[in-house]
Amino acid sequence: MTTLSGGEALERKLKELAEKLGDGKVLRVGFLEGATYPDGQPVAMVAASNEFGNPANNQPPRPFFRNMIAAKSPQWADDLANLAEAGDYDVELFMGRMGEHIKGQLQGSIRELTEPELSPTTIAKKGFSKPLIDTSHMLNSVDYEVKGGIE
């Protein structure tokens, strides 16, 4: 494992890491292109309808994604630094681990959201009162990808 002490050692390590990243890596977490329901409807559209609401269907916003970002993102820089160090600064490894980490946080936010409550009609139709989870397809469609950088 790499250990850093002093500002010069950290600066050298950051420059080394920047060189490894090349043009940069991008970590995307959420509902990626190609994720669809069995009927072909994009999961991202269903997630957006849940996140922001759909007044035409009398559906209120259930901001699971924004809530997760607000609650968890302040810690992401430290989490990434810890994962980078634990992975000996292997970019693919620590970015993948960060993707798994944020994916888990997003899925946790979906599981934990309880308000606003579902309407009595929706509860009767579903048979239970948990918002955002019906078939668990949206929950299980949360994914991540690391793109870019040195190929």
N, C-alpha and C. Protein backbone atom coordinates (compact mmCIF):
# COMPACT_ATOMS: atom_id res chain seq x y z
N MET A 1 0.84 -1.17 0.00
CA MET A 1 0.00 0.00 0.00
C MET A 1 0.89 1.23 0.00
N THR A 2 0.47 2.26 -0.70
CA THR A 2 1.21 3.51 -0.77
C THR A 2 0.88 4.37 0.43
N THR A 3 1.92 4.93 1.04
CA THR A 3 1.70 5.88 2.13
C THR A 3 2.26 7.21 1.71
N LEU A 4 1.61 8.26 2.15
CA LEU A 4 2.03 9.61 1.78
C LEU A 4 2.30 10.40 3.04
N SER A 5 3.38 11.18 3.01
CA SER A 5 3.63 12.08 4.13
C SER A 5 4.14 13.39 3.57
N GLY A 6 3.66 14.47 4.10
CA GLY A 6 4.09 15.78 3.65
C GLY A 6 3.45 16.20 2.35
N GLY A 7 3.47 17.51 2.11
CA GLY A 7 2.85 18.07 0.93
C GLY A 7 3.52 17.65 -0.36
N GLU A 8 4.85 17.52 -0.38
CA GLU A 8 5.56 17.15 -1.61
C GLU A 8 5.22 15.74 -2.05
N ALA A 9 5.14 14.80 -1.09
CA ALA A 9 4.80 13.42 -1.43
C ALA A 9 3.39 13.33 -2.00
N LEU A 10 2.48 14.06 -1.40
CA LEU A 10 1.10 14.07 -1.89
C LEU A 10 1.04 14.68 -3.28
N GLU A 11 1.74 15.78 -3.48
CA GLU A 11 1.75 16.43 -4.79
C GLU A 11 2.31 15.50 -5.86
N ARG A 12 3.39 14.80 -5.56
CA ARG A 12 3.96 13.83 -6.52
C ARG A 12 2.97 12.73 -6.85
N LYS A 13 2.31 12.23 -5.82
CA LYS A 13 1.35 11.13 -6.03
C LYS A 13 0.16 11.62 -6.86
N LEU A 14 -0.31 12.82 -6.60
CA LEU A 14 -1.43 13.36 -7.38
C LEU A 14 -1.03 13.55 -8.85
N LYS A 15 0.20 14.02 -9.10
CA LYS A 15 0.68 14.17 -10.48
C LYS A 15 0.76 12.81 -11.16
N GLU A 16 1.26 11.82 -10.43
CA GLU A 16 1.35 10.46 -10.97
C GLU A 16 -0.04 9.92 -11.30
N LEU A 17 -0.96 10.15 -10.42
CA LEU A 17 -2.33 9.70 -10.63
C LEU A 17 -2.95 10.42 -11.83
N ALA A 18 -2.71 11.71 -11.95
CA ALA A 18 -3.23 12.48 -13.09
C ALA A 18 -2.69 11.92 -14.40
N GLU A 19 -1.42 11.52 -14.42
CA GLU A 19 -0.83 10.93 -15.63
C GLU A 19 -1.50 9.60 -15.97
N LYS A 20 -1.80 8.81 -14.95
CA LYS A 20 -2.48 7.53 -15.17
C LYS A 20 -3.88 7.74 -15.74
N LEU A 21 -4.53 8.82 -15.30
CA LEU A 21 -5.88 9.10 -15.77
C LEU A 21 -5.90 9.56 -17.22
N GLY A 22 -4.79 10.07 -17.71
CA GLY A 22 -4.75 10.52 -19.09
C GLY A 22 -5.77 11.62 -19.32
N ASP A 23 -6.66 11.41 -20.27
CA ASP A 23 -7.70 12.39 -20.56
C ASP A 23 -8.80 12.39 -19.51
N GLY A 24 -8.68 11.51 -18.56
CA GLY A 24 -9.65 11.48 -17.47
C GLY A 24 -10.61 10.32 -17.58
N LYS A 25 -11.02 9.87 -16.44
CA LYS A 25 -12.03 8.82 -16.35
C LYS A 25 -13.31 9.47 -15.85
N VAL A 26 -14.40 8.92 -16.28
CA VAL A 26 -15.71 9.40 -15.84
C VAL A 26 -16.44 8.23 -15.22
N LEU A 27 -16.94 8.45 -14.02
CA LEU A 27 -17.77 7.46 -13.34
C LEU A 27 -19.20 7.93 -13.44
N ARG A 28 -20.03 7.09 -14.01
CA ARG A 28 -21.47 7.38 -14.11
C ARG A 28 -22.22 6.34 -13.30
N VAL A 29 -23.13 6.82 -12.45
CA VAL A 29 -23.93 5.94 -11.61
C VAL A 29 -25.39 6.33 -11.77
N GLY A 30 -26.23 5.36 -11.95
CA GLY A 30 -27.66 5.63 -12.07
C GLY A 30 -28.33 4.62 -12.98
N PHE A 31 -29.15 5.12 -13.88
CA PHE A 31 -29.91 4.27 -14.80
C PHE A 31 -29.31 4.49 -16.19
N LEU A 32 -28.47 3.59 -16.60
CA LEU A 32 -27.67 3.75 -17.81
C LEU A 32 -28.47 3.45 -19.07
N GLU A 33 -27.95 3.97 -20.19
CA GLU A 33 -28.59 3.71 -21.48
C GLU A 33 -28.75 2.21 -21.68
N GLY A 34 -29.85 1.84 -22.27
CA GLY A 34 -30.11 0.43 -22.56
C GLY A 34 -30.88 -0.30 -21.48
N ALA A 35 -30.99 0.29 -20.29
CA ALA A 35 -31.76 -0.35 -19.22
C ALA A 35 -33.24 -0.10 -19.48
N THR A 36 -33.97 -1.17 -19.71
CA THR A 36 -35.39 -1.05 -20.02
C THR A 36 -36.21 -2.05 -19.21
N TYR A 37 -37.50 -1.74 -19.13
CA TYR A 37 -38.46 -2.69 -18.58
C TYR A 37 -38.77 -3.72 -19.67
N PRO A 38 -39.37 -4.84 -19.30
CA PRO A 38 -39.70 -5.85 -20.31
C PRO A 38 -40.53 -5.32 -21.48
N ASP A 39 -41.33 -4.27 -21.24
CA ASP A 39 -42.14 -3.70 -22.32
C ASP A 39 -41.35 -2.71 -23.18
N GLY A 40 -40.08 -2.52 -22.87
CA GLY A 40 -39.23 -1.62 -23.66
C GLY A 40 -39.13 -0.21 -23.11
N GLN A 41 -39.90 0.13 -22.11
CA GLN A 41 -39.85 1.47 -21.54
C GLN A 41 -38.51 1.68 -20.84
N PRO A 42 -37.83 2.79 -21.12
CA PRO A 42 -36.53 3.05 -20.47
C PRO A 42 -36.68 3.22 -18.96
N VAL A 43 -35.83 2.54 -18.22
CA VAL A 43 -35.87 2.65 -16.76
C VAL A 43 -35.61 4.09 -16.34
N ALA A 44 -34.74 4.80 -17.05
CA ALA A 44 -34.44 6.19 -16.70
C ALA A 44 -35.68 7.07 -16.74
N MET A 45 -36.60 6.80 -17.64
CA MET A 45 -37.83 7.59 -17.73
C MET A 45 -38.73 7.32 -16.53
N VAL A 46 -38.83 6.07 -16.13
CA VAL A 46 -39.63 5.72 -14.95
C VAL A 46 -39.00 6.33 -13.71
N ALA A 47 -37.68 6.24 -13.61
CA ALA A 47 -36.98 6.81 -12.46
C ALA A 47 -37.19 8.32 -12.40
N ALA A 48 -37.10 9.00 -13.55
CA ALA A 48 -37.30 10.45 -13.59
C ALA A 48 -38.72 10.82 -13.18
N SER A 49 -39.69 10.03 -13.63
CA SER A 49 -41.08 10.27 -13.26
C SER A 49 -41.28 10.12 -11.75
N ASN A 50 -40.59 9.15 -11.17
CA ASN A 50 -40.65 8.99 -9.72
C ASN A 50 -39.93 10.13 -9.01
N GLU A 51 -38.76 10.47 -9.50
CA GLU A 51 -37.93 11.52 -8.88
C GLU A 51 -38.63 12.88 -8.87
N PHE A 52 -39.17 13.26 -10.03
CA PHE A 52 -39.73 14.61 -10.18
C PHE A 52 -41.25 14.67 -10.13
N GLY A 53 -41.89 13.50 -10.11
CA GLY A 53 -43.34 13.44 -10.10
C GLY A 53 -43.90 13.51 -11.51
N ASN A 54 -45.18 13.21 -11.61
CA ASN A 54 -45.88 13.25 -12.89
C ASN A 54 -47.28 13.77 -12.62
N PRO A 55 -47.45 15.09 -12.70
CA PRO A 55 -48.75 15.68 -12.38
C PRO A 55 -49.90 15.12 -13.22
N ALA A 56 -49.63 14.73 -14.45
CA ALA A 56 -50.68 14.17 -15.31
C ALA A 56 -51.25 12.88 -14.73
N ASN A 57 -50.43 12.16 -13.97
CA ASN A 57 -50.89 10.92 -13.32
C ASN A 57 -51.14 11.11 -11.83
N ASN A 58 -51.17 12.39 -11.39
CA ASN A 58 -51.36 12.70 -9.97
C ASN A 58 -50.29 12.04 -9.10
N GLN A 59 -49.07 11.98 -9.62
CA GLN A 59 -47.95 11.33 -8.94
C GLN A 59 -47.02 12.41 -8.37
N PRO A 60 -46.86 12.46 -7.05
CA PRO A 60 -45.98 13.47 -6.45
C PRO A 60 -44.51 13.09 -6.62
N PRO A 61 -43.62 14.06 -6.50
CA PRO A 61 -42.18 13.74 -6.54
C PRO A 61 -41.78 12.86 -5.36
N ARG A 62 -40.91 11.93 -5.64
CA ARG A 62 -40.30 11.08 -4.61
C ARG A 62 -38.79 11.13 -4.85
N PRO A 63 -38.14 12.16 -4.33
CA PRO A 63 -36.76 12.48 -4.71
C PRO A 63 -35.69 11.57 -4.09
N PHE A 64 -35.69 10.33 -4.45
CA PHE A 64 -34.72 9.37 -3.94
C PHE A 64 -33.30 9.69 -4.41
N PHE A 65 -33.14 10.14 -5.66
CA PHE A 65 -31.81 10.41 -6.22
C PHE A 65 -31.24 11.69 -5.61
N ARG A 66 -32.02 12.76 -5.61
CA ARG A 66 -31.56 14.03 -5.04
C ARG A 66 -31.29 13.90 -3.55
N ASN A 67 -32.13 13.15 -2.84
CA ASN A 67 -31.91 12.94 -1.41
C ASN A 67 -30.58 12.23 -1.16
N MET A 68 -30.30 11.21 -1.98
CA MET A 68 -29.05 10.47 -1.82
C MET A 68 -27.86 11.37 -2.08
N ILE A 69 -27.91 12.17 -3.15
CA ILE A 69 -26.80 13.06 -3.47
C ILE A 69 -26.58 14.07 -2.34
N ALA A 70 -27.66 14.66 -1.86
CA ALA A 70 -27.54 15.64 -0.78
C ALA A 70 -26.93 15.03 0.49
N ALA A 71 -27.35 13.82 0.80
CA ALA A 71 -26.89 13.18 2.04
C ALA A 71 -25.49 12.58 1.91
N LYS A 72 -25.17 12.02 0.77
CA LYS A 72 -23.95 11.22 0.65
C LYS A 72 -22.79 11.92 -0.04
N SER A 73 -23.07 12.84 -0.97
CA SER A 73 -21.98 13.42 -1.77
C SER A 73 -20.94 14.19 -0.97
N PRO A 74 -21.28 14.81 0.17
CA PRO A 74 -20.21 15.49 0.91
C PRO A 74 -19.08 14.55 1.34
N GLN A 75 -19.34 13.27 1.44
CA GLN A 75 -18.34 12.31 1.87
C GLN A 75 -17.61 11.64 0.69
N TRP A 76 -18.07 11.86 -0.54
CA TRP A 76 -17.52 11.13 -1.68
C TRP A 76 -16.03 11.40 -1.92
N ALA A 77 -15.57 12.62 -1.74
CA ALA A 77 -14.15 12.90 -1.97
C ALA A 77 -13.28 12.08 -1.02
N ASP A 78 -13.67 12.04 0.25
CA ASP A 78 -12.92 11.23 1.22
C ASP A 78 -13.04 9.75 0.90
N ASP A 79 -14.24 9.31 0.52
CA ASP A 79 -14.44 7.91 0.16
C ASP A 79 -13.54 7.53 -1.01
N LEU A 80 -13.50 8.39 -2.02
CA LEU A 80 -12.67 8.12 -3.20
C LEU A 80 -11.20 8.09 -2.83
N ALA A 81 -10.76 9.00 -2.00
CA ALA A 81 -9.36 9.02 -1.58
C ALA A 81 -9.01 7.73 -0.84
N ASN A 82 -9.89 7.29 0.05
CA ASN A 82 -9.65 6.05 0.80
C ASN A 82 -9.62 4.84 -0.13
N LEU A 83 -10.55 4.80 -1.08
CA LEU A 83 -10.57 3.68 -2.03
C LEU A 83 -9.34 3.70 -2.93
N ALA A 84 -8.90 4.89 -3.33
CA ALA A 84 -7.70 5.00 -4.16
C ALA A 84 -6.49 4.46 -3.41
N GLU A 85 -6.36 4.86 -2.17
CA GLU A 85 -5.22 4.39 -1.37
C GLU A 85 -5.30 2.89 -1.14
N ALA A 86 -6.49 2.40 -0.79
CA ALA A 86 -6.67 0.97 -0.54
C ALA A 86 -6.40 0.14 -1.79
N GLY A 87 -6.66 0.71 -2.95
CA GLY A 87 -6.43 0.02 -4.22
C GLY A 87 -5.08 0.33 -4.83
N ASP A 88 -4.16 0.87 -4.02
CA ASP A 88 -2.81 1.23 -4.46
C ASP A 88 -2.84 2.10 -5.71
N TYR A 89 -3.85 2.95 -5.78
CA TYR A 89 -4.01 3.95 -6.84
C TYR A 89 -4.19 3.34 -8.23
N ASP A 90 -4.70 2.11 -8.27
CA ASP A 90 -5.08 1.49 -9.54
C ASP A 90 -6.41 2.12 -9.95
N VAL A 91 -6.38 2.96 -10.97
CA VAL A 91 -7.53 3.77 -11.35
C VAL A 91 -8.77 2.92 -11.64
N GLU A 92 -8.61 1.89 -12.46
CA GLU A 92 -9.77 1.05 -12.79
C GLU A 92 -10.36 0.42 -11.53
N LEU A 93 -9.49 -0.01 -10.64
CA LEU A 93 -9.95 -0.68 -9.42
C LEU A 93 -10.69 0.29 -8.51
N PHE A 94 -10.10 1.44 -8.20
CA PHE A 94 -10.76 2.31 -7.23
C PHE A 94 -11.97 3.02 -7.82
N MET A 95 -11.96 3.29 -9.12
CA MET A 95 -13.16 3.89 -9.72
C MET A 95 -14.31 2.87 -9.74
N GLY A 96 -14.01 1.63 -10.02
CA GLY A 96 -15.03 0.58 -9.97
C GLY A 96 -15.59 0.40 -8.57
N ARG A 97 -14.71 0.44 -7.59
CA ARG A 97 -15.17 0.31 -6.21
C ARG A 97 -16.03 1.51 -5.80
N MET A 98 -15.67 2.69 -6.28
CA MET A 98 -16.48 3.88 -5.99
C MET A 98 -17.84 3.75 -6.66
N GLY A 99 -17.86 3.21 -7.89
CA GLY A 99 -19.13 2.97 -8.57
C GLY A 99 -20.03 2.04 -7.78
N GLU A 100 -19.46 0.96 -7.28
CA GLU A 100 -20.24 0.02 -6.46
C GLU A 100 -20.75 0.70 -5.19
N HIS A 101 -19.90 1.53 -4.61
CA HIS A 101 -20.25 2.24 -3.37
C HIS A 101 -21.46 3.17 -3.60
N ILE A 102 -21.39 4.00 -4.63
CA ILE A 102 -22.48 4.94 -4.89
C ILE A 102 -23.73 4.20 -5.37
N LYS A 103 -23.54 3.15 -6.14
CA LYS A 103 -24.68 2.31 -6.56
C LYS A 103 -25.43 1.80 -5.33
N GLY A 104 -24.70 1.31 -4.36
CA GLY A 104 -25.32 0.82 -3.12
C GLY A 104 -26.05 1.93 -2.37
N GLN A 105 -25.46 3.12 -2.37
CA GLN A 105 -26.11 4.25 -1.70
C GLN A 105 -27.42 4.62 -2.40
N LEU A 106 -27.41 4.59 -3.74
CA LEU A 106 -28.63 4.91 -4.49
C LEU A 106 -29.70 3.85 -4.26
N GLN A 107 -29.31 2.59 -4.29
CA GLN A 107 -30.29 1.54 -4.02
C GLN A 107 -30.82 1.64 -2.59
N GLY A 108 -29.96 2.01 -1.66
CA GLY A 108 -30.41 2.21 -0.28
C GLY A 108 -31.41 3.34 -0.17
N SER A 109 -31.19 4.40 -0.93
CA SER A 109 -32.13 5.52 -0.92
C SER A 109 -33.49 5.12 -1.46
N ILE A 110 -33.50 4.28 -2.50
CA ILE A 110 -34.77 3.78 -3.04
C ILE A 110 -35.48 2.94 -1.98
N ARG A 111 -34.74 2.07 -1.31
CA ARG A 111 -35.34 1.21 -0.29
C ARG A 111 -35.86 2.01 0.91
N GLU A 112 -35.14 3.08 1.27
CA GLU A 112 -35.46 3.82 2.50
C GLU A 112 -36.57 4.85 2.33
N LEU A 113 -36.83 5.31 1.11
CA LEU A 113 -37.83 6.36 0.92
C LEU A 113 -39.22 5.84 1.29
N THR A 114 -39.91 6.60 2.13
CA THR A 114 -41.26 6.20 2.55
C THR A 114 -42.30 7.29 2.31
N GLU A 115 -41.85 8.50 1.96
CA GLU A 115 -42.77 9.61 1.77
C GLU A 115 -42.47 10.33 0.47
N PRO A 116 -43.47 10.85 -0.16
CA PRO A 116 -44.87 10.81 0.27
C PRO A 116 -45.46 9.41 0.10
N GLU A 117 -46.42 9.16 0.95
CA GLU A 117 -47.08 7.85 0.93
C GLU A 117 -47.82 7.65 -0.39
N LEU A 118 -48.03 6.39 -0.70
CA LEU A 118 -48.83 6.05 -1.89
C LEU A 118 -50.30 6.32 -1.61
N SER A 119 -51.03 6.52 -2.67
CA SER A 119 -52.47 6.72 -2.53
C SER A 119 -53.13 5.38 -2.17
N PRO A 120 -54.29 5.42 -1.53
CA PRO A 120 -55.00 4.17 -1.21
C PRO A 120 -55.27 3.33 -2.47
N THR A 121 -55.52 3.99 -3.60
CA THR A 121 -55.77 3.26 -4.84
C THR A 121 -54.52 2.49 -5.27
N THR A 122 -53.38 3.14 -5.19
CA THR A 122 -52.13 2.48 -5.59
C THR A 122 -51.79 1.35 -4.63
N ILE A 123 -52.01 1.56 -3.34
CA ILE A 123 -51.75 0.51 -2.36
C ILE A 123 -52.63 -0.70 -2.64
N ALA A 124 -53.90 -0.47 -2.96
CA ALA A 124 -54.81 -1.58 -3.27
C ALA A 124 -54.35 -2.31 -4.52
N LYS A 125 -53.89 -1.58 -5.51
CA LYS A 125 -53.43 -2.17 -6.77
C LYS A 125 -52.16 -3.00 -6.56
N LYS A 126 -51.20 -2.45 -5.79
CA LYS A 126 -49.92 -3.12 -5.56
C LYS A 126 -50.04 -4.23 -4.51
N GLY A 127 -50.87 -3.98 -3.51
CA GLY A 127 -51.00 -4.92 -2.41
C GLY A 127 -50.07 -4.61 -1.25
N PHE A 128 -49.31 -3.51 -1.34
CA PHE A 128 -48.45 -3.07 -0.26
C PHE A 128 -48.18 -1.58 -0.43
N SER A 129 -47.62 -0.96 0.62
CA SER A 129 -47.55 0.50 0.64
C SER A 129 -46.16 1.09 0.41
N LYS A 130 -45.19 0.31 0.01
CA LYS A 130 -43.83 0.80 -0.17
C LYS A 130 -43.70 1.59 -1.48
N PRO A 131 -43.40 2.91 -1.39
CA PRO A 131 -43.17 3.67 -2.62
C PRO A 131 -41.90 3.20 -3.33
N LEU A 132 -41.86 3.41 -4.63
CA LEU A 132 -40.72 3.17 -5.51
C LEU A 132 -40.42 1.70 -5.81
N ILE A 133 -41.01 0.80 -5.06
CA ILE A 133 -40.73 -0.61 -5.31
C ILE A 133 -42.03 -1.32 -5.62
N ASP A 134 -42.10 -1.85 -6.82
CA ASP A 134 -43.25 -2.64 -7.23
C ASP A 134 -42.72 -4.03 -7.61
N THR A 135 -42.00 -4.08 -8.72
CA THR A 135 -41.40 -5.34 -9.17
C THR A 135 -39.92 -5.40 -8.81
N SER A 136 -39.34 -4.33 -8.29
CA SER A 136 -37.92 -4.16 -7.99
C SER A 136 -37.07 -3.99 -9.24
N HIS A 137 -37.69 -3.84 -10.40
CA HIS A 137 -36.94 -3.70 -11.64
C HIS A 137 -36.11 -2.41 -11.63
N MET A 138 -36.70 -1.30 -11.20
CA MET A 138 -35.95 -0.05 -11.15
C MET A 138 -34.78 -0.17 -10.16
N LEU A 139 -35.05 -0.69 -8.99
CA LEU A 139 -34.03 -0.90 -7.97
C LEU A 139 -32.86 -1.72 -8.51
N ASN A 140 -33.18 -2.81 -9.18
CA ASN A 140 -32.15 -3.71 -9.69
C ASN A 140 -31.47 -3.19 -10.96
N SER A 141 -32.01 -2.12 -11.53
CA SER A 141 -31.41 -1.53 -12.74
C SER A 141 -30.37 -0.46 -12.43
N VAL A 142 -30.22 -0.08 -11.17
CA VAL A 142 -29.18 0.88 -10.81
C VAL A 142 -27.83 0.24 -11.18
N ASP A 143 -26.99 1.00 -11.86
CA ASP A 143 -25.71 0.45 -12.30
C ASP A 143 -24.69 1.57 -12.37
N TYR A 144 -23.48 1.23 -12.74
CA TYR A 144 -22.43 2.22 -12.92
C TYR A 144 -21.53 1.80 -14.07
N GLU A 145 -20.77 2.76 -14.57
CA GLU A 145 -19.76 2.47 -15.56
C GLU A 145 -18.62 3.46 -15.41
N VAL A 146 -17.42 3.00 -15.74
CA VAL A 146 -16.24 3.84 -15.75
C VAL A 146 -15.83 3.94 -17.21
N LYS A 147 -15.74 5.17 -17.69
CA LYS A 147 -15.41 5.38 -19.11
C LYS A 147 -14.27 6.38 -19.23
N GLY A 148 -13.61 6.31 -20.39
CA GLY A 148 -12.60 7.30 -20.73
C GLY A 148 -11.22 6.94 -20.24
N GLY A 149 -10.33 7.90 -20.39
CA GLY A 149 -8.95 7.72 -19.94
C GLY A 149 -8.14 6.90 -20.91
N ILE A 150 -7.09 6.29 -20.39
CA ILE A 150 -6.18 5.50 -21.21
C ILE A 150 -6.87 4.22 -21.65
N GLU A 151 -6.85 3.96 -22.92
CA GLU A 151 -7.50 2.76 -23.45
C GLU A 151 -6.49 1.68 -23.71
